[in-house]
PDB file of N, CA and C in Angstrom:
ATOM      1  N   MET A   1       0.894  -1.206   0.303  1.00  0.00           N
ATOM      2  CA  MET A   1       0.397  -0.132  -0.173  1.00  0.00           C
ATOM      3  C   MET A   1       0.774   1.080  -0.195  1.00  0.00           C
ATOM      4  N   SER A   2       0.635   2.136  -0.702  1.00  0.00           N
ATOM      5  CA  SER A   2       1.515   3.490  -0.569  1.00  0.00           C
ATOM      6  C   SER A   2       0.782   4.453  -0.424  1.00  0.00           C
ATOM      7  N   ALA A   3       1.764   5.440   0.412  1.00  0.00           N
ATOM      8  CA  ALA A   3       1.545   6.441   1.291  1.00  0.00           C
ATOM      9  C   ALA A   3       0.497   7.636   0.737  1.00  0.00           C
ATOM     10  N   PRO A   4      -0.269   8.127   1.071  1.00  0.00           N
ATOM     11  CA  PRO A   4      -1.351   9.151   0.115  1.00  0.00           C
ATOM     12  C   PRO A   4      -0.513  10.322  -0.041  1.00  0.00           C
ATOM     13  N   THR A   5      -1.156  10.687  -1.301  1.00  0.00           N
ATOM     14  CA  THR A   5      -0.263  11.975  -1.734  1.00  0.00           C
ATOM     15  C   THR A   5      -0.840  13.294  -1.607  1.00  0.00           C
ATOM     16  N   THR A   6      -0.186  14.314  -1.030  1.00  0.00           N
ATOM     17  CA  THR A   6      -1.385  15.165  -1.496  1.00  0.00           C
ATOM     18  C   THR A   6      -1.005  16.523  -2.609  1.00  0.00           C
ATOM     19  N   LYS A   7      -1.204  16.990  -2.800  1.00  0.00           N
ATOM     20  CA  LYS A   7      -0.813  17.746  -3.642  1.00  0.00           C
ATOM     21  C   LYS A   7      -0.854  19.087  -3.282  1.00  0.00           C
ATOM     22  N   ARG A   8      -0.050  20.060  -3.019  1.00  0.00           N
ATOM     23  CA  ARG A   8       0.044  21.206  -2.921  1.00  0.00           C
ATOM     24  C   ARG A   8      -0.502  22.123  -3.250  1.00  0.00           C
ATOM     25  N   LYS A   9      -1.220  23.566  -3.295  1.00  0.00           N
ATOM     26  CA  LYS A   9      -1.572  24.640  -4.219  1.00  0.00           C
ATOM     27  C   LYS A   9      -0.068  25.214  -5.026  1.00  0.00           C
ATOM     28  N   PRO A  10       0.180  25.547  -5.948  1.00  0.00           N
ATOM     29  CA  PRO A  10       1.639  26.265  -5.965  1.00  0.00           C
ATOM     30  C   PRO A  10       1.349  27.692  -5.060  1.00  0.00           C
ATOM     31  N   ARG A  11       2.592  28.218  -4.724  1.00  0.00           N
ATOM     32  CA  ARG A  11       2.568  29.322  -3.732  1.00  0.00           C
ATOM     33  C   ARG A  11       2.139  30.399  -4.883  1.00  0.00           C
ATOM     34  N   SER A  12       1.628  31.937  -5.034  1.00  0.00           N
ATOM     35  CA  SER A  12       0.920  32.655  -5.606  1.00  0.00           C
ATOM     36  C   SER A  12       2.083  33.816  -5.418  1.00  0.00           C
ATOM     37  N   PRO A  13       2.751  34.722  -6.091  1.00  0.00           N
ATOM     38  CA  PRO A  13       3.836  35.115  -5.784  1.00  0.00           C
ATOM     39  C   PRO A  13       3.316  36.908  -5.025  1.00  0.00           C
ATOM     40  N   LYS A  14       3.540  37.344  -4.071  1.00  0.00           N
ATOM     41  CA  LYS A  14       3.085  38.080  -3.508  1.00  0.00           C
ATOM     42  C   LYS A  14       3.149  39.551  -3.902  1.00  0.00           C
ATOM     43  N   ALA A  15       2.124  40.283  -3.766  1.00  0.00           N
ATOM     44  CA  ALA A  15       2.636  41.352  -4.976  1.00  0.00           C
ATOM     45  C   ALA A  15       3.226  42.653  -3.279  1.00  0.00           C
ATOM     46  N   SER A  16       4.057  42.495  -3.689  1.00  0.00           N
ATOM     47  CA  SER A  16       5.377  43.505  -2.858  1.00  0.00           C
ATOM     48  C   SER A  16       4.981  44.686  -3.861  1.00  0.00           C
ATOM     49  N   SER A  17       4.976  46.186  -2.904  1.00  0.00           N
ATOM     50  CA  SER A  17       5.215  47.230  -3.374  1.00  0.00           C
ATOM     51  C   SER A  17       6.363  47.692  -2.526  1.00  0.00           C
ATOM     52  N   PRO A  18       7.396  48.228  -3.013  1.00  0.00           N
ATOM     53  CA  PRO A  18       8.342  48.924  -2.589  1.00  0.00           C
ATOM     54  C   PRO A  18       8.545  49.540  -1.439  1.00  0.00           C
ATOM     55  N   ARG A  19       9.369  49.699  -0.463  1.00  0.00           N
ATOM     56  CA  ARG A  19       8.731  50.266   0.927  1.00  0.00           C
ATOM     57  C   ARG A  19       9.610  51.288   0.304  1.00  0.00           C
ATOM     58  N   PRO A  20       8.973  52.777   1.099  1.00  0.00           N
ATOM     59  CA  PRO A  20       9.692  53.892   0.401  1.00  0.00           C
ATOM     60  C   PRO A  20      10.685  53.714   1.665  1.00  0.00           C
ATOM     61  N   ARG A  21      12.225  54.303   1.618  1.00  0.00           N
ATOM     62  CA  ARG A  21      13.260  54.570   1.981  1.00  0.00           C
ATOM     63  C   ARG A  21      13.280  55.432   2.886  1.00  0.00           C
ATOM     64  N   ALA A  22      13.250  55.406   4.437  1.00  0.00           N
ATOM     65  CA  ALA A  22      14.041  56.615   5.334  1.00  0.00           C
ATOM     66  C   ALA A  22      15.022  57.173   4.644  1.00  0.00           C
ATOM     67  N   PRO A  23      14.900  58.955   4.804  1.00  0.00           N
ATOM     68  CA  PRO A  23      16.595  58.834   4.966  1.00  0.00           C
ATOM     69  C   PRO A  23      17.376  58.696   5.788  1.00  0.00           C
ATOM     70  N   PRO A  24      18.578  58.116   5.533  1.00  0.00           N
ATOM     71  CA  PRO A  24      19.378  58.358   6.174  1.00  0.00           C
ATOM     72  C   PRO A  24      19.599  59.173   7.278  1.00  0.00           C
ATOM     73  N   ARG A  25      20.060  58.203   8.162  1.00  0.00           N
ATOM     74  CA  ARG A  25      20.566  58.865   9.833  1.00  0.00           C
ATOM     75  C   ARG A  25      21.753  59.781   9.560  1.00  0.00           C
ATOM     76  N   PRO A  26      20.957  61.288  10.361  1.00  0.00           N
ATOM     77  CA  PRO A  26      22.705  61.554  10.388  1.00  0.00           C
ATOM     78  C   PRO A  26      23.334  61.541  11.076  1.00  0.00           C
ATOM     79  N   ILE A  27      24.822  61.487  11.076  1.00  0.00           N
ATOM     80  CA  ILE A  27      25.409  61.298  11.859  1.00  0.00           C
ATOM     81  C   ILE A  27      25.062  62.379  13.161  1.00  0.00           C
ATOM     82  N   ALA A  28      25.507  61.895  14.298  1.00  0.00           N
ATOM     83  CA  ALA A  28      24.970  62.633  15.518  1.00  0.00           C
ATOM     84  C   ALA A  28      26.447  62.476  16.510  1.00  0.00           C
ATOM     85  N   LEU A  29      26.811  64.101  16.588  1.00  0.00           N
ATOM     86  CA  LEU A  29      27.906  64.712  16.886  1.00  0.00           C
ATOM     87  C   LEU A  29      27.676  65.293  18.648  1.00  0.00           C
ATOM     88  N   ARG A  30      28.349  65.434  19.553  1.00  0.00           N
ATOM     89  CA  ARG A  30      28.243  65.721  20.957  1.00  0.00           C
ATOM     90  C   ARG A  30      29.585  66.428  20.967  1.00  0.00           C
ATOM     91  N   LEU A  31      29.509  67.984  21.407  1.00  0.00           N
ATOM     92  CA  LEU A  31      30.368  68.279  21.709  1.00  0.00           C
ATOM     93  C   LEU A  31      30.382  69.030  23.371  1.00  0.00           C
ATOM     94  N   TYR A  32      31.485  68.665  23.711  1.00  0.00           N
ATOM     95  CA  TYR A  32      31.392  68.958  24.863  1.00  0.00           C
ATOM     96  C   TYR A  32      32.592  70.296  25.297  1.00  0.00           C
ATOM     97  N   VAL A  33      31.944  71.248  25.929  1.00  0.00           N
ATOM     98  CA  VAL A  33      32.468  72.586  26.006  1.00  0.00           C
ATOM     99  C   VAL A  33      33.185  72.716  27.813  1.00  0.00           C
ATOM    100  N   ALA A  34      33.262  73.543  28.492  1.00  0.00           N
ATOM    101  CA  ALA A  34      33.508  74.286  29.466  1.00  0.00           C
ATOM    102  C   ALA A  34      33.343  75.786  29.697  1.00  0.00           C
ATOM    103  N   GLY A  35      31.925  76.034  29.588  1.00  0.00           N
ATOM    104  CA  GLY A  35      31.323  77.750  29.383  1.00  0.00           C
ATOM    105  C   GLY A  35      32.161  77.874  28.442  1.00  0.00           C
ATOM    106  N   ALA A  36      32.695  79.542  28.549  1.00  0.00           N
ATOM    107  CA  ALA A  36      33.091  80.213  27.539  1.00  0.00           C
ATOM    108  C   ALA A  36      34.476  80.619  27.432  1.00  0.00           C
ATOM    109  N   SER A  37      35.058  78.757  27.498  1.00  0.00           N
ATOM    110  CA  SER A  37      36.936  79.341  28.096  1.00  0.00           C
ATOM    111  C   SER A  37      37.033  79.482  26.562  1.00  0.00           C
ATOM    112  N   PRO A  38      38.178  80.154  26.077  1.00  0.00           N
ATOM    113  CA  PRO A  38      39.193  80.224  25.072  1.00  0.00           C
ATOM    114  C   PRO A  38      38.898  78.934  24.080  1.00  0.00           C
ATOM    115  N   ASN A  39      39.046  78.088  24.212  1.00  0.00           N
ATOM    116  CA  ASN A  39      39.562  76.833  23.796  1.00  0.00           C
ATOM    117  C   ASN A  39      37.798  76.110  23.051  1.00  0.00           C
ATOM    118  N   SER A  40      37.358  76.172  24.507  1.00  0.00           N
ATOM    119  CA  SER A  40      35.771  75.991  24.074  1.00  0.00           C
ATOM    120  C   SER A  40      35.473  76.589  22.857  1.00  0.00           C
ATOM    121  N   LEU A  41      35.337  77.960  22.896  1.00  0.00           N
ATOM    122  CA  LEU A  41      34.743  78.927  21.673  1.00  0.00           C
ATOM    123  C   LEU A  41      35.335  78.996  20.589  1.00  0.00           C
ATOM    124  N   ALA A  42      37.160  78.405  20.357  1.00  0.00           N
ATOM    125  CA  ALA A  42      37.151  78.464  18.963  1.00  0.00           C
ATOM    126  C   ALA A  42      36.845  77.204  18.540  1.00  0.00           C
ATOM    127  N   ALA A  43      36.834  76.382  19.364  1.00  0.00           N
ATOM    128  CA  ALA A  43      35.795  75.054  19.059  1.00  0.00           C
ATOM    129  C   ALA A  43      34.488  75.068  18.432  1.00  0.00           C
ATOM    130  N   ILE A  44      33.960  75.486  19.077  1.00  0.00           N
ATOM    131  CA  ILE A  44      32.648  75.909  18.182  1.00  0.00           C
ATOM    132  C   ILE A  44      32.204  76.480  17.068  1.00  0.00           C
ATOM    133  N   HIS A  45      33.201  77.545  17.085  1.00  0.00           N
ATOM    134  CA  HIS A  45      33.833  78.194  15.529  1.00  0.00           C
ATOM    135  C   HIS A  45      34.164  77.166  14.390  1.00  0.00           C
ATOM    136  N   ASN A  46      35.008  76.435  14.940  1.00  0.00           N
ATOM    137  CA  ASN A  46      35.660  75.697  13.751  1.00  0.00           C
ATOM    138  C   ASN A  46      34.530  74.565  13.688  1.00  0.00           C
ATOM    139  N   LEU A  47      33.599  73.768  14.586  1.00  0.00           N
ATOM    140  CA  LEU A  47      32.717  72.848  14.186  1.00  0.00           C
ATOM    141  C   LEU A  47      31.761  73.746  13.181  1.00  0.00           C
ATOM    142  N   LYS A  48      31.174  74.924  12.977  1.00  0.00           N
ATOM    143  CA  LYS A  48      30.467  75.865  12.447  1.00  0.00           C
ATOM    144  C   LYS A  48      31.445  75.778  11.280  1.00  0.00           C
ATOM    145  N   SER A  49      32.470  76.154  11.254  1.00  0.00           N
ATOM    146  CA  SER A  49      33.651  75.978   9.705  1.00  0.00           C
ATOM    147  C   SER A  49      33.426  74.689   9.099  1.00  0.00           C
ATOM    148  N   ILE A  50      33.199  73.851   9.957  1.00  0.00           N
ATOM    149  CA  ILE A  50      32.975  72.270   9.351  1.00  0.00           C
ATOM    150  C   ILE A  50      31.556  72.092   8.407  1.00  0.00           C
ATOM    151  N   HIS A  51      30.346  72.965   9.595  1.00  0.00           N
ATOM    152  CA  HIS A  51      28.904  72.860   9.216  1.00  0.00           C
ATOM    153  C   HIS A  51      28.633  73.201   8.045  1.00  0.00           C
ATOM    154  N   ALA A  52      29.603  74.599   7.871  1.00  0.00           N
ATOM    155  CA  ALA A  52      29.049  75.388   6.335  1.00  0.00           C
ATOM    156  C   ALA A  52      30.482  74.473   5.247  1.00  0.00           C
ATOM    157  N   ARG A  53      31.050  73.672   5.808  1.00  0.00           N
ATOM    158  CA  ARG A  53      32.573  73.485   4.557  1.00  0.00           C
ATOM    159  C   ARG A  53      31.269  72.154   3.748  1.00  0.00           C
ATOM    160  N   ILE A  54      30.838  71.418   5.298  1.00  0.00           N
ATOM    161  CA  ILE A  54      30.473  69.669   4.456  1.00  0.00           C
ATOM    162  C   ILE A  54      28.969  70.242   4.396  1.00  0.00           C
ATOM    163  N   ASP A  55      27.632  69.109   3.641  1.00  0.00           N
ATOM    164  CA  ASP A  55      26.404  68.954   3.568  1.00  0.00           C
ATOM    165  C   ASP A  55      25.828  69.284   5.624  1.00  0.00           C
ATOM    166  N   GLY A  56      26.043  70.272   5.992  1.00  0.00           N
ATOM    167  CA  GLY A  56      25.089  70.175   7.398  1.00  0.00           C
ATOM    168  C   GLY A  56      24.174  69.236   7.523  1.00  0.00           C
ATOM    169  N   ALA A  57      23.372  68.955   6.739  1.00  0.00           N
ATOM    170  CA  ALA A  57      22.408  68.288   6.723  1.00  0.00           C
ATOM    171  C   ALA A  57      22.438  66.768   7.489  1.00  0.00           C
ATOM    172  N   ARG A  58      23.908  66.351   6.662  1.00  0.00           N
ATOM    173  CA  ARG A  58      24.010  65.012   7.393  1.00  0.00           C
ATOM    174  C   ARG A  58      24.534  65.216   8.786  1.00  0.00           C
ATOM    175  N   PHE A  59      24.554  66.122   9.495  1.00  0.00           N
ATOM    176  CA  PHE A  59      24.998  65.593  11.194  1.00  0.00           C
ATOM    177  C   PHE A  59      24.323  66.669  11.421  1.00  0.00           C
ATOM    178  N   GLU A  60      24.265  66.310  12.659  1.00  0.00           N
ATOM    179  CA  GLU A  60      23.775  66.959  14.293  1.00  0.00           C
ATOM    180  C   GLU A  60      24.160  67.014  15.313  1.00  0.00           C
ATOM    181  N   VAL A  61      25.018  68.042  15.560  1.00  0.00           N
ATOM    182  CA  VAL A  61      25.175  68.419  16.882  1.00  0.00           C
ATOM    183  C   VAL A  61      24.897  68.625  17.919  1.00  0.00           C
ATOM    184  N   GLU A  62      25.064  67.961  19.258  1.00  0.00           N
ATOM    185  CA  GLU A  62      24.492  68.694  20.599  1.00  0.00           C
ATOM    186  C   GLU A  62      25.923  68.859  21.179  1.00  0.00           C
ATOM    187  N   MET A  63      25.231  70.475  22.226  1.00  0.00           N
ATOM    188  CA  MET A  63      26.461  70.675  22.721  1.00  0.00           C
ATOM    189  C   MET A  63      25.968  70.699  24.520  1.00  0.00           C
ATOM    190  N   VAL A  64      27.061  70.323  25.001  1.00  0.00           N
ATOM    191  CA  VAL A  64      26.994  69.484  26.426  1.00  0.00           C
ATOM    192  C   VAL A  64      28.281  70.482  27.291  1.00  0.00           C
ATOM    193  N   ASP A  65      27.385  71.516  27.802  1.00  0.00           N
ATOM    194  CA  ASP A  65      28.668  72.702  28.667  1.00  0.00           C
ATOM    195  C   ASP A  65      28.842  71.818  30.386  1.00  0.00           C
ATOM    196  N   VAL A  66      30.289  71.312  30.569  1.00  0.00           N
ATOM    197  CA  VAL A  66      30.383  69.958  31.708  1.00  0.00           C
ATOM    198  C   VAL A  66      30.448  71.257  32.953  1.00  0.00           C
ATOM    199  N   LEU A  67      30.244  72.508  32.756  1.00  0.00           N
ATOM    200  CA  LEU A  67      30.416  73.261  33.788  1.00  0.00           C
ATOM    201  C   LEU A  67      29.099  73.369  34.060  1.00  0.00           C
ATOM    202  N   ARG A  68      28.261  73.109  33.290  1.00  0.00           N
ATOM    203  CA  ARG A  68      26.480  73.763  34.007  1.00  0.00           C
ATOM    204  C   ARG A  68      26.013  71.281  34.132  1.00  0.00           C
ATOM    205  N   GLU A  69      26.744  70.912  33.259  1.00  0.00           N
ATOM    206  CA  GLU A  69      26.541  69.426  33.510  1.00  0.00           C
ATOM    207  C   GLU A  69      27.402  68.622  33.909  1.00  0.00           C
ATOM    208  N   PRO A  70      28.212  68.935  35.213  1.00  0.00           N
ATOM    209  CA  PRO A  70      29.264  68.158  35.384  1.00  0.00           C
ATOM    210  C   PRO A  70      29.271  66.236  35.295  1.00  0.00           C
ATOM    211  N   ASP A  71      27.973  66.277  35.856  1.00  0.00           N
ATOM    212  CA  ASP A  71      27.654  65.073  35.781  1.00  0.00           C
ATOM    213  C   ASP A  71      27.228  64.034  34.507  1.00  0.00           C
ATOM    214  N   ARG A  72      26.932  64.970  33.609  1.00  0.00           N
ATOM    215  CA  ARG A  72      26.737  63.859  32.386  1.00  0.00           C
ATOM    216  C   ARG A  72      28.152  64.180  31.467  1.00  0.00           C
ATOM    217  N   GLY A  73      29.034  64.849  32.042  1.00  0.00           N
ATOM    218  CA  GLY A  73      30.754  64.782  31.393  1.00  0.00           C
ATOM    219  C   GLY A  73      31.238  63.845  31.860  1.00  0.00           C
ATOM    220  N   LEU A  74      30.895  63.532  32.966  1.00  0.00           N
ATOM    221  CA  LEU A  74      31.561  62.623  34.271  1.00  0.00           C
ATOM    222  C   LEU A  74      31.211  61.397  33.353  1.00  0.00           C
ATOM    223  N   ALA A  75      29.461  60.746  33.607  1.00  0.00           N
ATOM    224  CA  ALA A  75      29.116  59.782  32.917  1.00  0.00           C
ATOM    225  C   ALA A  75      29.616  59.322  32.068  1.00  0.00           C
ATOM    226  N   ASP A  76      30.012  59.963  30.395  1.00  0.00           N
ATOM    227  CA  ASP A  76      30.379  60.124  29.824  1.00  0.00           C
ATOM    228  C   ASP A  76      31.858  60.012  29.569  1.00  0.00           C
ATOM    229  N   GLY A  77      32.679  59.677  30.491  1.00  0.00           N
ATOM    230  CA  GLY A  77      34.062  59.632  30.666  1.00  0.00           C
ATOM    231  C   GLY A  77      34.497  61.049  30.027  1.00  0.00           C
ATOM    232  N   ILE A  78      33.976  62.291  30.270  1.00  0.00           N
ATOM    233  CA  ILE A  78      34.831  63.268  29.589  1.00  0.00           C
ATOM    234  C   ILE A  78      35.944  63.581  30.368  1.00  0.00           C
ATOM    235  N   LEU A  79      36.935  63.705  30.363  1.00  0.00           N
ATOM    236  CA  LEU A  79      38.243  63.978  31.117  1.00  0.00           C
ATOM    237  C   LEU A  79      38.779  65.716  30.997  1.00  0.00           C
ATOM    238  N   VAL A  80      38.670  65.676  29.570  1.00  0.00           N
ATOM    239  CA  VAL A  80      39.272  67.187  28.641  1.00  0.00           C
ATOM    240  C   VAL A  80      38.337  67.621  27.849  1.00  0.00           C
ATOM    241  N   THR A  81      38.054  68.763  28.009  1.00  0.00           N
ATOM    242  CA  THR A  81      37.524  69.851  27.286  1.00  0.00           C
ATOM    243  C   THR A  81      38.232  71.196  26.154  1.00  0.00           C
ATOM    244  N   PRO A  82      37.565  71.651  25.178  1.00  0.00           N
ATOM    245  CA  PRO A  82      36.991  70.285  24.541  1.00  0.00           C
ATOM    246  C   PRO A  82      36.743  69.156  23.913  1.00  0.00           C
ATOM    247  N   THR A  83      35.829  68.267  23.596  1.00  0.00           N
ATOM    248  CA  THR A  83      36.109  66.989  23.042  1.00  0.00           C
ATOM    249  C   THR A  83      34.888  66.743  22.791  1.00  0.00           C
ATOM    250  N   LEU A  84      34.723  66.474  20.965  1.00  0.00           N
ATOM    251  CA  LEU A  84      33.994  66.057  20.105  1.00  0.00           C
ATOM    252  C   LEU A  84      33.652  64.657  20.049  1.00  0.00           C
ATOM    253  N   VAL A  85      33.045  64.273  20.241  1.00  0.00           N
ATOM    254  CA  VAL A  85      32.816  62.785  19.935  1.00  0.00           C
ATOM    255  C   VAL A  85      31.423  62.318  18.879  1.00  0.00           C
ATOM    256  N   ARG A  86      31.782  61.190  18.380  1.00  0.00           N
ATOM    257  CA  ARG A  86      30.967  61.386  17.111  1.00  0.00           C
ATOM    258  C   ARG A  86      30.045  59.643  18.192  1.00  0.00           C
ATOM    259  N   VAL A  87      29.027  60.485  18.051  1.00  0.00           N
ATOM    260  CA  VAL A  87      28.193  58.826  18.670  1.00  0.00           C
ATOM    261  C   VAL A  87      26.971  58.174  18.044  1.00  0.00           C
ATOM    262  N   TRP A  88      26.959  58.764  16.842  1.00  0.00           N
ATOM    263  CA  TRP A  88      26.266  57.924  15.849  1.00  0.00           C
ATOM    264  C   TRP A  88      27.002  58.272  14.322  1.00  0.00           C
ATOM    265  N   PRO A  89      27.305  57.285  13.193  1.00  0.00           N
ATOM    266  CA  PRO A  89      27.108  55.609  13.994  1.00  0.00           C
ATOM    267  C   PRO A  89      28.569  55.207  14.611  1.00  0.00           C
ATOM    268  N   LEU A  90      27.869  53.875  14.705  1.00  0.00           N
ATOM    269  CA  LEU A  90      28.870  53.408  15.708  1.00  0.00           C
ATOM    270  C   LEU A  90      31.094  52.956  14.928  1.00  0.00           C
ATOM    271  N   PRO A  91      31.419  52.462  15.236  1.00  0.00           N
ATOM    272  CA  PRO A  91      31.690  53.137  16.725  1.00  0.00           C
ATOM    273  C   PRO A  91      32.167  54.392  17.002  1.00  0.00           C
ATOM    274  N   ARG A  92      32.077  54.438  18.620  1.00  0.00           N
ATOM    275  CA  ARG A  92      32.242  56.248  18.720  1.00  0.00           C
ATOM    276  C   ARG A  92      33.766  56.347  18.741  1.00  0.00           C
ATOM    277  N   CYS A  93      33.658  57.689  18.496  1.00  0.00           N
ATOM    278  CA  CYS A  93      35.288  58.337  17.968  1.00  0.00           C
ATOM    279  C   CYS A  93      35.384  59.771  18.305  1.00  0.00           C
ATOM    280  N   ARG A  94      36.605  60.098  19.001  1.00  0.00           N
ATOM    281  CA  ARG A  94      36.016  61.536  19.580  1.00  0.00           C
ATOM    282  C   ARG A  94      38.058  62.616  19.398  1.00  0.00           C
ATOM    283  N   VAL A  95      37.315  63.748  19.341  1.00  0.00           N
ATOM    284  CA  VAL A  95      38.493  64.479  18.650  1.00  0.00           C
ATOM    285  C   VAL A  95      38.822  65.311  20.066  1.00  0.00           C
ATOM    286  N   LEU A  96      39.909  65.184  20.521  1.00  0.00           N
ATOM    287  CA  LEU A  96      40.436  66.550  21.569  1.00  0.00           C
ATOM    288  C   LEU A  96      41.072  67.556  20.979  1.00  0.00           C
ATOM    289  N   GLY A  97      40.394  68.517  21.580  1.00  0.00           N
ATOM    290  CA  GLY A  97      40.978  69.726  21.105  1.00  0.00           C
ATOM    291  C   GLY A  97      39.966  70.752  20.659  1.00  0.00           C
ATOM    292  N   ASP A  98      40.814  71.933  20.292  1.00  0.00           N
ATOM    293  CA  ASP A  98      40.131  73.328  19.391  1.00  0.00           C
ATOM    294  C   ASP A  98      39.147  73.041  17.939  1.00  0.00           C
ATOM    295  N   LEU A  99      39.745  71.595  17.195  1.00  0.00           N
ATOM    296  CA  LEU A  99      39.239  71.510  15.942  1.00  0.00           C
ATOM    297  C   LEU A  99      39.796  72.053  14.997  1.00  0.00           C
ATOM    298  N   ARG A 100      40.980  72.937  15.157  1.00  0.00           N
ATOM    299  CA  ARG A 100      41.461  73.684  14.339  1.00  0.00           C
ATOM    300  C   ARG A 100      41.601  73.123  12.984  1.00  0.00           C
ATOM    301  N   ASP A 101      42.257  71.851  13.260  1.00  0.00           N
ATOM    302  CA  ASP A 101      42.789  70.938  11.945  1.00  0.00           C
ATOM    303  C   ASP A 101      41.182  70.629  11.426  1.00  0.00           C
ATOM    304  N   VAL A 102      40.424  71.458  10.439  1.00  0.00           N
ATOM    305  CA  VAL A 102      39.310  70.787  10.132  1.00  0.00           C
ATOM    306  C   VAL A 102      39.564  70.163   9.194  1.00  0.00           C
ATOM    307  N   GLU A 103      40.547  69.670   7.906  1.00  0.00           N
ATOM    308  CA  GLU A 103      40.806  68.515   7.373  1.00  0.00           C
ATOM    309  C   GLU A 103      40.575  67.180   8.327  1.00  0.00           C
ATOM    310  N   LEU A 104      41.549  67.307   9.093  1.00  0.00           N
ATOM    311  CA  LEU A 104      41.786  65.888  10.593  1.00  0.00           C
ATOM    312  C   LEU A 104      40.344  65.920  10.763  1.00  0.00           C
ATOM    313  N   VAL A 105      39.776  66.921  11.328  1.00  0.00           N
ATOM    314  CA  VAL A 105      38.054  66.537  11.976  1.00  0.00           C
ATOM    315  C   VAL A 105      37.628  65.649  11.417  1.00  0.00           C
ATOM    316  N   VAL A 106      37.537  66.254   9.636  1.00  0.00           N
ATOM    317  CA  VAL A 106      36.172  65.441   8.829  1.00  0.00           C
ATOM    318  C   VAL A 106      36.719  64.307   8.705  1.00  0.00           C
ATOM    319  N   ARG A 107      38.012  64.045   8.582  1.00  0.00           N
ATOM    320  CA  ARG A 107      38.560  62.656   8.188  1.00  0.00           C
ATOM    321  C   ARG A 107      38.016  61.607   9.167  1.00  0.00           C
ATOM    322  N   CYS A 108      38.834  62.170  10.271  1.00  0.00           N
ATOM    323  CA  CYS A 108      38.690  61.083  12.184  1.00  0.00           C
ATOM    324  C   CYS A 108      36.891  60.852  11.689  1.00  0.00           C
ATOM    325  N   LEU A 109      35.775  61.940  11.810  1.00  0.00           N
ATOM    326  CA  LEU A 109      34.856  61.481  11.767  1.00  0.00           C
ATOM    327  C   LEU A 109      34.051  60.869  10.962  1.00  0.00           C
ATOM    328  N   GLY A 110      34.666  60.562   9.854  1.00  0.00           N
ATOM    329  CA  GLY A 110      34.039  59.987   8.785  1.00  0.00           C
ATOM    330  C   GLY A 110      32.761  61.082   7.797  1.00  0.00           C
ATOM    331  N   LEU A 111      33.328  62.236   8.047  1.00  0.00           N
ATOM    332  CA  LEU A 111      32.239  63.248   7.476  1.00  0.00           C
ATOM    333  C   LEU A 111      32.470  63.767   5.725  1.00  0.00           C
ATOM    334  N   GLU A 112      33.142  62.874   5.161  1.00  0.00           N
ATOM    335  CA  GLU A 112      33.881  63.278   3.985  1.00  0.00           C
ATOM    336  C   GLU A 112      32.877  63.297   3.009  1.00  0.00           C
TER     337      GLU A 112
END
């Protein structure tokens, strides 16, 4: 006696509509400064120069004043200001100092 066979219905291809692509997530940067110290002001100015030089829509910047939020700086392991941190995409990357070498900052953070 042979085993009963069952016929399977052929699968119909699912109608797939292309999903609209979400815009790429911007690069997230965080600049830690110490109030209005000369190096902090220079870092802010130089970061604005970088923003003007490349497509500013590609990255967003959060500024943290460690004089006003010292616990946040300590929690993030910030020992020196100014410090610029690439938060997203991973891996995190840090640039210390006043960001005067714009070419180096752009290359290190992957903003090219």
